[in-house]
Amino acid sequence: PESRQETPPASFSALMLDFPVPAKSRTAWTQLCYTLDEL
């Protein structure tokens, strides 16, 4: 539901960390989620 907002959610990582990504992408995806929180 947060994807339809016009403003960022309180925490991207809380919503996106468990998205299914390939094993070789997991570390980078985790870093990406926390980076979005910093922004």
PDB file of all heavy atoms in Angstrom:
ATOM      1  N   PRO A   1       0.821  -1.229   0.000  1.00  0.00           N
ATOM      2  CA  PRO A   1       0.000   0.000   0.000  1.00  0.00           C
ATOM      3  C   PRO A   1       0.845   1.266   0.000  1.00  0.00           C
ATOM      4  O   PRO A   1       0.466   2.282  -0.599  1.00  0.00           O
ATOM      5  CB  PRO A   1      -0.813  -0.123   1.302  1.00  0.00           C
ATOM      6  CG  PRO A   1      -0.833  -1.593   1.602  1.00  0.00           C
ATOM      7  CD  PRO A   1       0.465  -2.137   1.110  1.00  0.00           C
ATOM      8  N   GLU A   2       2.014   1.201   0.665  1.00  0.00           N
ATOM      9  CA  GLU A   2       2.877   2.395   0.766  1.00  0.00           C
ATOM     10  C   GLU A   2       3.398   2.844  -0.601  1.00  0.00           C
ATOM     11  O   GLU A   2       3.820   3.994  -0.766  1.00  0.00           O
ATOM     12  CB  GLU A   2       4.057   2.120   1.694  1.00  0.00           C
ATOM     13  CG  GLU A   2       3.685   1.972   3.164  1.00  0.00           C
ATOM     14  CD  GLU A   2       3.207   0.561   3.498  1.00  0.00           C
ATOM     15  OE1 GLU A   2       3.085  -0.278   2.562  1.00  0.00           O
ATOM     16  OE2 GLU A   2       2.972   0.295   4.683  1.00  0.00           O
ATOM     17  N   SER A   3       3.408   1.919  -1.577  1.00  0.00           N
ATOM     18  CA  SER A   3       3.939   2.282  -2.899  1.00  0.00           C
ATOM     19  C   SER A   3       3.049   3.291  -3.611  1.00  0.00           C
ATOM     20  O   SER A   3       3.480   3.923  -4.571  1.00  0.00           O
ATOM     21  CB  SER A   3       4.091   1.029  -3.766  1.00  0.00           C
ATOM     22  OG  SER A   3       2.811   0.507  -4.111  1.00  0.00           O
ATOM     23  N   ARG A   4       1.820   3.433  -3.161  1.00  0.00           N
ATOM     24  CA  ARG A   4       0.888   4.351  -3.826  1.00  0.00           C
ATOM     25  C   ARG A   4       0.843   5.719  -3.163  1.00  0.00           C
ATOM     26  O   ARG A   4       0.065   6.580  -3.555  1.00  0.00           O
ATOM     27  CB  ARG A   4      -0.501   3.717  -3.860  1.00  0.00           C
ATOM     28  CG  ARG A   4      -0.548   2.472  -4.757  1.00  0.00           C
ATOM     29  CD  ARG A   4      -1.925   1.857  -4.858  1.00  0.00           C
ATOM     30  NE  ARG A   4      -2.312   1.154  -3.630  1.00  0.00           N
ATOM     31  CZ  ARG A   4      -1.922  -0.096  -3.340  1.00  0.00           C
ATOM     32  NH1 ARG A   4      -1.116  -0.745  -4.175  1.00  0.00           N
ATOM     33  NH2 ARG A   4      -2.319  -0.688  -2.237  1.00  0.00           N
ATOM     34  N   GLN A   5       1.688   5.904  -2.148  1.00  0.00           N
ATOM     35  CA  GLN A   5       1.767   7.215  -1.497  1.00  0.00           C
ATOM     36  C   GLN A   5       2.559   8.198  -2.358  1.00  0.00           C
ATOM     37  O   GLN A   5       3.330   7.799  -3.225  1.00  0.00           O
ATOM     38  CB  GLN A   5       2.464   7.078  -0.134  1.00  0.00           C
ATOM     39  CG  GLN A   5       1.735   6.201   0.863  1.00  0.00           C
ATOM     40  CD  GLN A   5       2.512   6.028   2.156  1.00  0.00           C
ATOM     41  OE1 GLN A   5       2.068   5.356   3.054  1.00  0.00           O
ATOM     42  NE2 GLN A   5       3.692   6.637   2.235  1.00  0.00           N
ATOM     43  N   GLU A   6       2.383   9.462  -2.077  1.00  0.00           N
ATOM     44  CA  GLU A   6       3.165  10.486  -2.770  1.00  0.00           C
ATOM     45  C   GLU A   6       4.388  10.884  -1.971  1.00  0.00           C
ATOM     46  O   GLU A   6       5.172  11.730  -2.420  1.00  0.00           O
ATOM     47  CB  GLU A   6       2.289  11.714  -3.051  1.00  0.00           C
ATOM     48  CG  GLU A   6       1.174  11.427  -4.042  1.00  0.00           C
ATOM     49  CD  GLU A   6       0.426  12.689  -4.425  1.00  0.00           C
ATOM     50  OE1 GLU A   6       0.826  13.781  -3.952  1.00  0.00           O
ATOM     51  OE2 GLU A   6      -0.543  12.593  -5.197  1.00  0.00           O
ATOM     52  N   THR A   7       4.566  10.287  -0.802  1.00  0.00           N
ATOM     53  CA  THR A   7       5.722  10.570   0.050  1.00  0.00           C
ATOM     54  C   THR A   7       6.379   9.244   0.418  1.00  0.00           C
ATOM     55  O   THR A   7       5.747   8.184   0.359  1.00  0.00           O
ATOM     56  CB  THR A   7       5.303  11.313   1.325  1.00  0.00           C
ATOM     57  OG1 THR A   7       4.297  10.536   1.995  1.00  0.00           O
ATOM     58  CG2 THR A   7       4.751  12.691   0.995  1.00  0.00           C
ATOM     59  N   PRO A   8       7.654   9.264   0.820  1.00  0.00           N
ATOM     60  CA  PRO A   8       8.328   8.013   1.166  1.00  0.00           C
ATOM     61  C   PRO A   8       7.729   7.380   2.417  1.00  0.00           C
ATOM     62  O   PRO A   8       7.201   8.089   3.298  1.00  0.00           O
ATOM     63  CB  PRO A   8       9.778   8.439   1.397  1.00  0.00           C
ATOM     64  CG  PRO A   8       9.822   9.909   1.369  1.00  0.00           C
ATOM     65  CD  PRO A   8       8.521  10.442   0.899  1.00  0.00           C
ATOM     66  N   PRO A   9       7.782   6.049   2.538  1.00  0.00           N
ATOM     67  CA  PRO A   9       7.293   5.377   3.745  1.00  0.00           C
ATOM     68  C   PRO A   9       8.227   5.641   4.919  1.00  0.00           C
ATOM     69  O   PRO A   9       9.345   6.124   4.745  1.00  0.00           O
ATOM     70  CB  PRO A   9       7.309   3.906   3.347  1.00  0.00           C
ATOM     71  CG  PRO A   9       8.380   3.807   2.308  1.00  0.00           C
ATOM     72  CD  PRO A   9       8.324   5.104   1.547  1.00  0.00           C
ATOM     73  N   ALA A  10       7.789   5.294   6.098  1.00  0.00           N
ATOM     74  CA  ALA A  10       8.617   5.490   7.298  1.00  0.00           C
ATOM     75  C   ALA A  10       9.891   4.669   7.224  1.00  0.00           C
ATOM     76  O   ALA A  10      10.933   5.075   7.748  1.00  0.00           O
ATOM     77  CB  ALA A  10       7.824   5.131   8.546  1.00  0.00           C
ATOM     78  N   SER A  11       9.823   3.505   6.571  1.00  0.00           N
ATOM     79  CA  SER A  11      11.009   2.657   6.443  1.00  0.00           C
ATOM     80  C   SER A  11      10.886   1.795   5.194  1.00  0.00           C
ATOM     81  O   SER A  11       9.994   0.951   5.089  1.00  0.00           O
ATOM     82  CB  SER A  11      11.174   1.765   7.677  1.00  0.00           C
ATOM     83  OG  SER A  11      12.183   0.795   7.458  1.00  0.00           O
ATOM     84  N   PHE A  12      11.802   2.012   4.236  1.00  0.00           N
ATOM     85  CA  PHE A  12      11.832   1.154   3.054  1.00  0.00           C
ATOM     86  C   PHE A  12      12.252  -0.264   3.421  1.00  0.00           C
ATOM     87  O   PHE A  12      11.702  -1.238   2.903  1.00  0.00           O
ATOM     88  CB  PHE A  12      12.803   1.721   2.011  1.00  0.00           C
ATOM     89  CG  PHE A  12      12.258   2.879   1.226  1.00  0.00           C
ATOM     90  CD1 PHE A  12      12.583   4.184   1.556  1.00  0.00           C
ATOM     91  CD2 PHE A  12      11.421   2.662   0.134  1.00  0.00           C
ATOM     92  CE1 PHE A  12      12.094   5.253   0.824  1.00  0.00           C
ATOM     93  CE2 PHE A  12      10.909   3.717  -0.609  1.00  0.00           C
ATOM     94  CZ  PHE A  12      11.255   5.019  -0.256  1.00  0.00           C
ATOM     95  N   SER A  13      13.243  -0.382   4.299  1.00  0.00           N
ATOM     96  CA  SER A  13      13.775  -1.708   4.613  1.00  0.00           C
ATOM     97  C   SER A  13      12.716  -2.596   5.270  1.00  0.00           C
ATOM     98  O   SER A  13      12.674  -3.810   5.025  1.00  0.00           O
ATOM     99  CB  SER A  13      15.008  -1.590   5.511  1.00  0.00           C
ATOM    100  OG  SER A  13      14.686  -0.934   6.724  1.00  0.00           O
ATOM    101  N   ALA A  14      11.855  -2.006   6.098  1.00  0.00           N
ATOM    102  CA  ALA A  14      10.815  -2.803   6.754  1.00  0.00           C
ATOM    103  C   ALA A  14       9.875  -3.445   5.737  1.00  0.00           C
ATOM    104  O   ALA A  14       9.305  -4.514   5.974  1.00  0.00           O
ATOM    105  CB  ALA A  14      10.025  -1.921   7.718  1.00  0.00           C
ATOM    106  N   LEU A  15       9.727  -2.799   4.586  1.00  0.00           N
ATOM    107  CA  LEU A  15       8.819  -3.302   3.558  1.00  0.00           C
ATOM    108  C   LEU A  15       9.520  -4.189   2.529  1.00  0.00           C
ATOM    109  O   LEU A  15       8.910  -5.104   1.970  1.00  0.00           O
ATOM    110  CB  LEU A  15       8.175  -2.123   2.826  1.00  0.00           C
ATOM    111  CG  LEU A  15       7.361  -1.142   3.684  1.00  0.00           C
ATOM    112  CD1 LEU A  15       7.029   0.107   2.873  1.00  0.00           C
ATOM    113  CD2 LEU A  15       6.077  -1.807   4.169  1.00  0.00           C
ATOM    114  N   MET A  16      10.803  -3.929   2.257  1.00  0.00           N
ATOM    115  CA  MET A  16      11.448  -4.517   1.086  1.00  0.00           C
ATOM    116  C   MET A  16      12.489  -5.596   1.390  1.00  0.00           C
ATOM    117  O   MET A  16      12.882  -6.334   0.475  1.00  0.00           O
ATOM    118  CB  MET A  16      12.113  -3.397   0.252  1.00  0.00           C
ATOM    119  CG  MET A  16      11.129  -2.357  -0.267  1.00  0.00           C
ATOM    120  SD  MET A  16      11.921  -0.872  -0.983  1.00  0.00           S
ATOM    121  CE  MET A  16      12.783  -1.560  -2.366  1.00  0.00           C
ATOM    122  N   LEU A  17      12.940  -5.686   2.637  1.00  0.00           N
ATOM    123  CA  LEU A  17      14.035  -6.614   2.939  1.00  0.00           C
ATOM    124  C   LEU A  17      13.711  -8.052   2.573  1.00  0.00           C
ATOM    125  O   LEU A  17      14.588  -8.816   2.140  1.00  0.00           O
ATOM    126  CB  LEU A  17      14.416  -6.532   4.424  1.00  0.00           C
ATOM    127  CG  LEU A  17      15.496  -5.531   4.816  1.00  0.00           C
ATOM    128  CD1 LEU A  17      15.717  -5.556   6.317  1.00  0.00           C
ATOM    129  CD2 LEU A  17      16.807  -5.802   4.084  1.00  0.00           C
ATOM    130  N   ASP A  18      12.469  -8.461   2.747  1.00  0.00           N
ATOM    131  CA  ASP A  18      12.124  -9.866   2.513  1.00  0.00           C
ATOM    132  C   ASP A  18      11.681 -10.148   1.080  1.00  0.00           C
ATOM    133  O   ASP A  18      11.188 -11.238   0.781  1.00  0.00           O
ATOM    134  CB  ASP A  18      11.049 -10.318   3.495  1.00  0.00           C
ATOM    135  CG  ASP A  18       9.731  -9.568   3.285  1.00  0.00           C
ATOM    136  OD1 ASP A  18       9.750  -8.529   2.584  1.00  0.00           O
ATOM    137  OD2 ASP A  18       8.704 -10.019   3.832  1.00  0.00           O
ATOM    138  N   PHE A  19      11.866  -9.188   0.159  1.00  0.00           N
ATOM    139  CA  PHE A  19      11.537  -9.455  -1.234  1.00  0.00           C
ATOM    140  C   PHE A  19      12.397 -10.619  -1.739  1.00  0.00           C
ATOM    141  O   PHE A  19      13.577 -10.728  -1.391  1.00  0.00           O
ATOM    142  CB  PHE A  19      11.804  -8.221  -2.108  1.00  0.00           C
ATOM    143  CG  PHE A  19      10.750  -7.146  -2.021  1.00  0.00           C
ATOM    144  CD1 PHE A  19       9.810  -7.137  -0.999  1.00  0.00           C
ATOM    145  CD2 PHE A  19      10.703  -6.118  -2.955  1.00  0.00           C
ATOM    146  CE1 PHE A  19       8.839  -6.138  -0.918  1.00  0.00           C
ATOM    147  CE2 PHE A  19       9.762  -5.118  -2.886  1.00  0.00           C
ATOM    148  CZ  PHE A  19       8.823  -5.129  -1.855  1.00  0.00           C
ATOM    149  N   PRO A  20      11.841 -11.504  -2.567  1.00  0.00           N
ATOM    150  CA  PRO A  20      12.611 -12.650  -3.057  1.00  0.00           C
ATOM    151  C   PRO A  20      13.614 -12.230  -4.140  1.00  0.00           C
ATOM    152  O   PRO A  20      13.228 -11.844  -5.244  1.00  0.00           O
ATOM    153  CB  PRO A  20      11.532 -13.563  -3.652  1.00  0.00           C
ATOM    154  CG  PRO A  20      10.424 -12.640  -4.037  1.00  0.00           C
ATOM    155  CD  PRO A  20      10.439 -11.514  -3.043  1.00  0.00           C
ATOM    156  N   VAL A  21      14.897 -12.263  -3.803  1.00  0.00           N
ATOM    157  CA  VAL A  21      15.955 -11.935  -4.761  1.00  0.00           C
ATOM    158  C   VAL A  21      16.893 -13.128  -4.859  1.00  0.00           C
ATOM    159  O   VAL A  21      16.956 -13.962  -3.943  1.00  0.00           O
ATOM    160  CB  VAL A  21      16.735 -10.674  -4.322  1.00  0.00           C
ATOM    161  CG1 VAL A  21      15.842  -9.450  -4.317  1.00  0.00           C
ATOM    162  CG2 VAL A  21      17.391 -10.859  -2.967  1.00  0.00           C
ATOM    163  N   PRO A  22      17.636 -13.263  -5.955  1.00  0.00           N
ATOM    164  CA  PRO A  22      18.597 -14.360  -6.080  1.00  0.00           C
ATOM    165  C   PRO A  22      19.611 -14.324  -4.943  1.00  0.00           C
ATOM    166  O   PRO A  22      19.908 -13.256  -4.387  1.00  0.00           O
ATOM    167  CB  PRO A  22      19.259 -14.096  -7.430  1.00  0.00           C
ATOM    168  CG  PRO A  22      18.293 -13.244  -8.186  1.00  0.00           C
ATOM    169  CD  PRO A  22      17.590 -12.412  -7.155  1.00  0.00           C
ATOM    170  N   ALA A  23      20.165 -15.479  -4.622  1.00  0.00           N
ATOM    171  CA  ALA A  23      21.125 -15.574  -3.519  1.00  0.00           C
ATOM    172  C   ALA A  23      22.311 -14.640  -3.730  1.00  0.00           C
ATOM    173  O   ALA A  23      22.789 -14.000  -2.780  1.00  0.00           O
ATOM    174  CB  ALA A  23      21.599 -17.022  -3.377  1.00  0.00           C
ATOM    175  N   LYS A  24      22.782 -14.527  -4.981  1.00  0.00           N
ATOM    176  CA  LYS A  24      23.953 -13.681  -5.254  1.00  0.00           C
ATOM    177  C   LYS A  24      23.620 -12.191  -5.113  1.00  0.00           C
ATOM    178  O   LYS A  24      24.523 -11.358  -5.050  1.00  0.00           O
ATOM    179  CB  LYS A  24      24.489 -13.960  -6.653  1.00  0.00           C
ATOM    180  CG  LYS A  24      23.564 -13.559  -7.783  1.00  0.00           C
ATOM    181  CD  LYS A  24      24.072 -14.003  -9.154  1.00  0.00           C
ATOM    182  CE  LYS A  24      25.388 -13.369  -9.515  1.00  0.00           C
ATOM    183  NZ  LYS A  24      25.801 -13.726 -10.900  1.00  0.00           N
ATOM    184  N   SER A  25      22.320 -11.869  -5.048  1.00  0.00           N
ATOM    185  CA  SER A  25      21.895 -10.469  -4.930  1.00  0.00           C
ATOM    186  C   SER A  25      21.544 -10.082  -3.502  1.00  0.00           C
ATOM    187  O   SER A  25      21.335  -8.896  -3.219  1.00  0.00           O
ATOM    188  CB  SER A  25      20.674 -10.207  -5.821  1.00  0.00           C
ATOM    189  OG  SER A  25      20.836 -10.717  -7.117  1.00  0.00           O
ATOM    190  N   ARG A  26      21.467 -11.048  -2.594  1.00  0.00           N
ATOM    191  CA  ARG A  26      20.904 -10.798  -1.270  1.00  0.00           C
ATOM    192  C   ARG A  26      21.658  -9.711  -0.503  1.00  0.00           C
ATOM    193  O   ARG A  26      21.055  -8.785   0.042  1.00  0.00           O
ATOM    194  CB  ARG A  26      20.875 -12.105  -0.474  1.00  0.00           C
ATOM    195  CG  ARG A  26      20.445 -11.970   0.987  1.00  0.00           C
ATOM    196  CD  ARG A  26      19.123 -11.229   1.191  1.00  0.00           C
ATOM    197  NE  ARG A  26      18.008 -11.850   0.497  1.00  0.00           N
ATOM    198  CZ  ARG A  26      16.813 -11.296   0.412  1.00  0.00           C
ATOM    199  NH1 ARG A  26      16.591 -10.079   0.925  1.00  0.00           N
ATOM    200  NH2 ARG A  26      15.826 -11.914  -0.216  1.00  0.00           N
ATOM    201  N   THR A  27      22.990  -9.807  -0.454  1.00  0.00           N
ATOM    202  CA  THR A  27      23.765  -8.821   0.318  1.00  0.00           C
ATOM    203  C   THR A  27      23.582  -7.416  -0.254  1.00  0.00           C
ATOM    204  O   THR A  27      23.358  -6.447   0.478  1.00  0.00           O
ATOM    205  CB  THR A  27      25.260  -9.195   0.312  1.00  0.00           C
ATOM    206  OG1 THR A  27      25.414 -10.491   0.909  1.00  0.00           O
ATOM    207  CG2 THR A  27      26.078  -8.187   1.097  1.00  0.00           C
ATOM    208  N   ALA A  28      23.674  -7.310  -1.585  1.00  0.00           N
ATOM    209  CA  ALA A  28      23.537  -6.000  -2.229  1.00  0.00           C
ATOM    210  C   ALA A  28      22.120  -5.449  -2.058  1.00  0.00           C
ATOM    211  O   ALA A  28      21.935  -4.238  -1.865  1.00  0.00           O
ATOM    212  CB  ALA A  28      23.887  -6.109  -3.718  1.00  0.00           C
ATOM    213  N   TRP A  29      21.108  -6.321  -2.131  1.00  0.00           N
ATOM    214  CA  TRP A  29      19.725  -5.875  -1.953  1.00  0.00           C
ATOM    215  C   TRP A  29      19.509  -5.338  -0.539  1.00  0.00           C
ATOM    216  O   TRP A  29      18.851  -4.310  -0.352  1.00  0.00           O
ATOM    217  CB  TRP A  29      18.767  -7.030  -2.238  1.00  0.00           C
ATOM    218  CG  TRP A  29      17.323  -6.659  -2.039  1.00  0.00           C
ATOM    219  CD1 TRP A  29      16.528  -6.984  -0.983  1.00  0.00           C
ATOM    220  CD2 TRP A  29      16.512  -5.852  -2.903  1.00  0.00           C
ATOM    221  NE1 TRP A  29      15.275  -6.452  -1.140  1.00  0.00           N
ATOM    222  CE2 TRP A  29      15.230  -5.743  -2.310  1.00  0.00           C
ATOM    223  CE3 TRP A  29      16.754  -5.219  -4.122  1.00  0.00           C
ATOM    224  CZ2 TRP A  29      14.197  -5.025  -2.904  1.00  0.00           C
ATOM    225  CZ3 TRP A  29      15.718  -4.498  -4.715  1.00  0.00           C
ATOM    226  CH2 TRP A  29      14.460  -4.407  -4.097  1.00  0.00           C
ATOM    227  N   THR A  30      20.066  -6.036   0.450  1.00  0.00           N
ATOM    228  CA  THR A  30      19.949  -5.579   1.838  1.00  0.00           C
ATOM    229  C   THR A  30      20.564  -4.198   1.996  1.00  0.00           C
ATOM    230  O   THR A  30      19.985  -3.301   2.630  1.00  0.00           O
ATOM    231  CB  THR A  30      20.636  -6.578   2.786  1.00  0.00           C
ATOM    232  OG1 THR A  30      20.008  -7.862   2.641  1.00  0.00           O
ATOM    233  CG2 THR A  30      20.539  -6.126   4.228  1.00  0.00           C
ATOM    234  N   GLN A  31      21.754  -4.011   1.400  1.00  0.00           N
ATOM    235  CA  GLN A  31      22.422  -2.715   1.471  1.00  0.00           C
ATOM    236  C   GLN A  31      21.592  -1.638   0.792  1.00  0.00           C
ATOM    237  O   GLN A  31      21.482  -0.509   1.281  1.00  0.00           O
ATOM    238  CB  GLN A  31      23.799  -2.811   0.810  1.00  0.00           C
ATOM    239  CG  GLN A  31      24.613  -1.519   0.874  1.00  0.00           C
ATOM    240  CD  GLN A  31      24.952  -1.116   2.287  1.00  0.00           C
ATOM    241  OE1 GLN A  31      25.616  -1.862   3.001  1.00  0.00           O
ATOM    242  NE2 GLN A  31      24.498   0.053   2.716  1.00  0.00           N
ATOM    243  N   LEU A  32      20.970  -1.990  -0.321  1.00  0.00           N
ATOM    244  CA  LEU A  32      20.123  -1.040  -1.037  1.00  0.00           C
ATOM    245  C   LEU A  32      18.950  -0.589  -0.165  1.00  0.00           C
ATOM    246  O   LEU A  32      18.636   0.602  -0.088  1.00  0.00           O
ATOM    247  CB  LEU A  32      19.601  -1.689  -2.318  1.00  0.00           C
ATOM    248  CG  LEU A  32      18.503  -0.931  -3.081  1.00  0.00           C
ATOM    249  CD1 LEU A  32      19.027   0.393  -3.604  1.00  0.00           C
ATOM    250  CD2 LEU A  32      17.955  -1.766  -4.229  1.00  0.00           C
ATOM    251  N   CYS A  33      18.303  -1.537   0.497  1.00  0.00           N
ATOM    252  CA  CYS A  33      17.147  -1.201   1.340  1.00  0.00           C
ATOM    253  C   CYS A  33      17.534  -0.240   2.461  1.00  0.00           C
ATOM    254  O   CYS A  33      16.829   0.750   2.729  1.00  0.00           O
ATOM    255  CB  CYS A  33      16.550  -2.474   1.937  1.00  0.00           C
ATOM    256  SG  CYS A  33      15.805  -3.564   0.709  1.00  0.00           S
ATOM    257  N   TYR A  34      18.647  -0.505   3.114  1.00  0.00           N
ATOM    258  CA  TYR A  34      19.087   0.373   4.206  1.00  0.00           C
ATOM    259  C   TYR A  34      19.543   1.737   3.676  1.00  0.00           C
ATOM    260  O   TYR A  34      19.395   2.759   4.356  1.00  0.00           O
ATOM    261  CB  TYR A  34      20.195  -0.294   5.009  1.00  0.00           C
ATOM    262  CG  TYR A  34      19.704  -1.428   5.880  1.00  0.00           C
ATOM    263  CD1 TYR A  34      20.305  -2.686   5.842  1.00  0.00           C
ATOM    264  CD2 TYR A  34      18.613  -1.252   6.743  1.00  0.00           C
ATOM    265  CE1 TYR A  34      19.847  -3.729   6.640  1.00  0.00           C
ATOM    266  CE2 TYR A  34      18.145  -2.287   7.543  1.00  0.00           C
ATOM    267  CZ  TYR A  34      18.760  -3.519   7.488  1.00  0.00           C
ATOM    268  OH  TYR A  34      18.293  -4.542   8.272  1.00  0.00           O
ATOM    269  N   THR A  35      20.091   1.751   2.458  1.00  0.00           N
ATOM    270  CA  THR A  35      20.478   3.032   1.851  1.00  0.00           C
ATOM    271  C   THR A  35      19.247   3.897   1.597  1.00  0.00           C
ATOM    272  O   THR A  35      19.263   5.113   1.834  1.00  0.00           O
ATOM    273  CB  THR A  35      21.245   2.795   0.534  1.00  0.00           C
ATOM    274  OG1 THR A  35      22.414   2.025   0.803  1.00  0.00           O
ATOM    275  CG2 THR A  35      21.646   4.115  -0.110  1.00  0.00           C
ATOM    276  N   LEU A  36      18.164   3.279   1.110  1.00  0.00           N
ATOM    277  CA  LEU A  36      16.924   4.041   0.892  1.00  0.00           C
ATOM    278  C   LEU A  36      16.413   4.629   2.199  1.00  0.00           C
ATOM    279  O   LEU A  36      15.880   5.748   2.220  1.00  0.00           O
ATOM    280  CB  LEU A  36      15.860   3.127   0.269  1.00  0.00           C
ATOM    281  CG  LEU A  36      16.155   2.624  -1.154  1.00  0.00           C
ATOM    282  CD1 LEU A  36      15.083   1.646  -1.612  1.00  0.00           C
ATOM    283  CD2 LEU A  36      16.259   3.790  -2.131  1.00  0.00           C
ATOM    284  N   ASP A  37      16.588   3.891   3.320  1.00  0.00           N
ATOM    285  CA  ASP A  37      16.214   4.445   4.632  1.00  0.00           C
ATOM    286  C   ASP A  37      17.016   5.697   4.950  1.00  0.00           C
ATOM    287  O   ASP A  37      16.494   6.666   5.516  1.00  0.00           O
ATOM    288  CB  ASP A  37      16.444   3.401   5.731  1.00  0.00           C
ATOM    289  CG  ASP A  37      15.412   2.285   5.705  1.00  0.00           C
ATOM    290  OD1 ASP A  37      14.383   2.456   5.033  1.00  0.00           O
ATOM    291  OD2 ASP A  37      15.646   1.254   6.360  1.00  0.00           O
ATOM    292  N   GLU A  38      18.319   5.690   4.571  1.00  0.00           N
ATOM    293  CA  GLU A  38      19.172   6.861   4.831  1.00  0.00           C
ATOM    294  C   GLU A  38      18.716   8.068   4.029  1.00  0.00           C
ATOM    295  O   GLU A  38      18.859   9.210   4.472  1.00  0.00           O
ATOM    296  CB  GLU A  38      20.631   6.548   4.456  1.00  0.00           C
ATOM    297  CG  GLU A  38      21.377   5.678   5.434  1.00  0.00           C
ATOM    298  CD  GLU A  38      22.835   5.543   5.040  1.00  0.00           C
ATOM    299  OE1 GLU A  38      23.390   6.500   4.438  1.00  0.00           O
ATOM    300  OE2 GLU A  38      23.422   4.487   5.322  1.00  0.00           O
ATOM    301  N   LEU A  39      18.164   7.818   2.846  1.00  0.00           N
ATOM    302  CA  LEU A  39      17.752   8.931   1.979  1.00  0.00           C
ATOM    303  C   LEU A  39      16.466   9.592   2.468  1.00  0.00           C
ATOM    304  O   LEU A  39      16.209  10.753   2.147  1.00  0.00           O
ATOM    305  CB  LEU A  39      17.554   8.434   0.541  1.00  0.00           C
ATOM    306  CG  LEU A  39      18.737   7.684  -0.104  1.00  0.00           C
ATOM    307  CD1 LEU A  39      18.449   7.412  -1.576  1.00  0.00           C
ATOM    308  CD2 LEU A  39      20.032   8.451   0.053  1.00  0.00           C
TER     309      LEU A  39
END
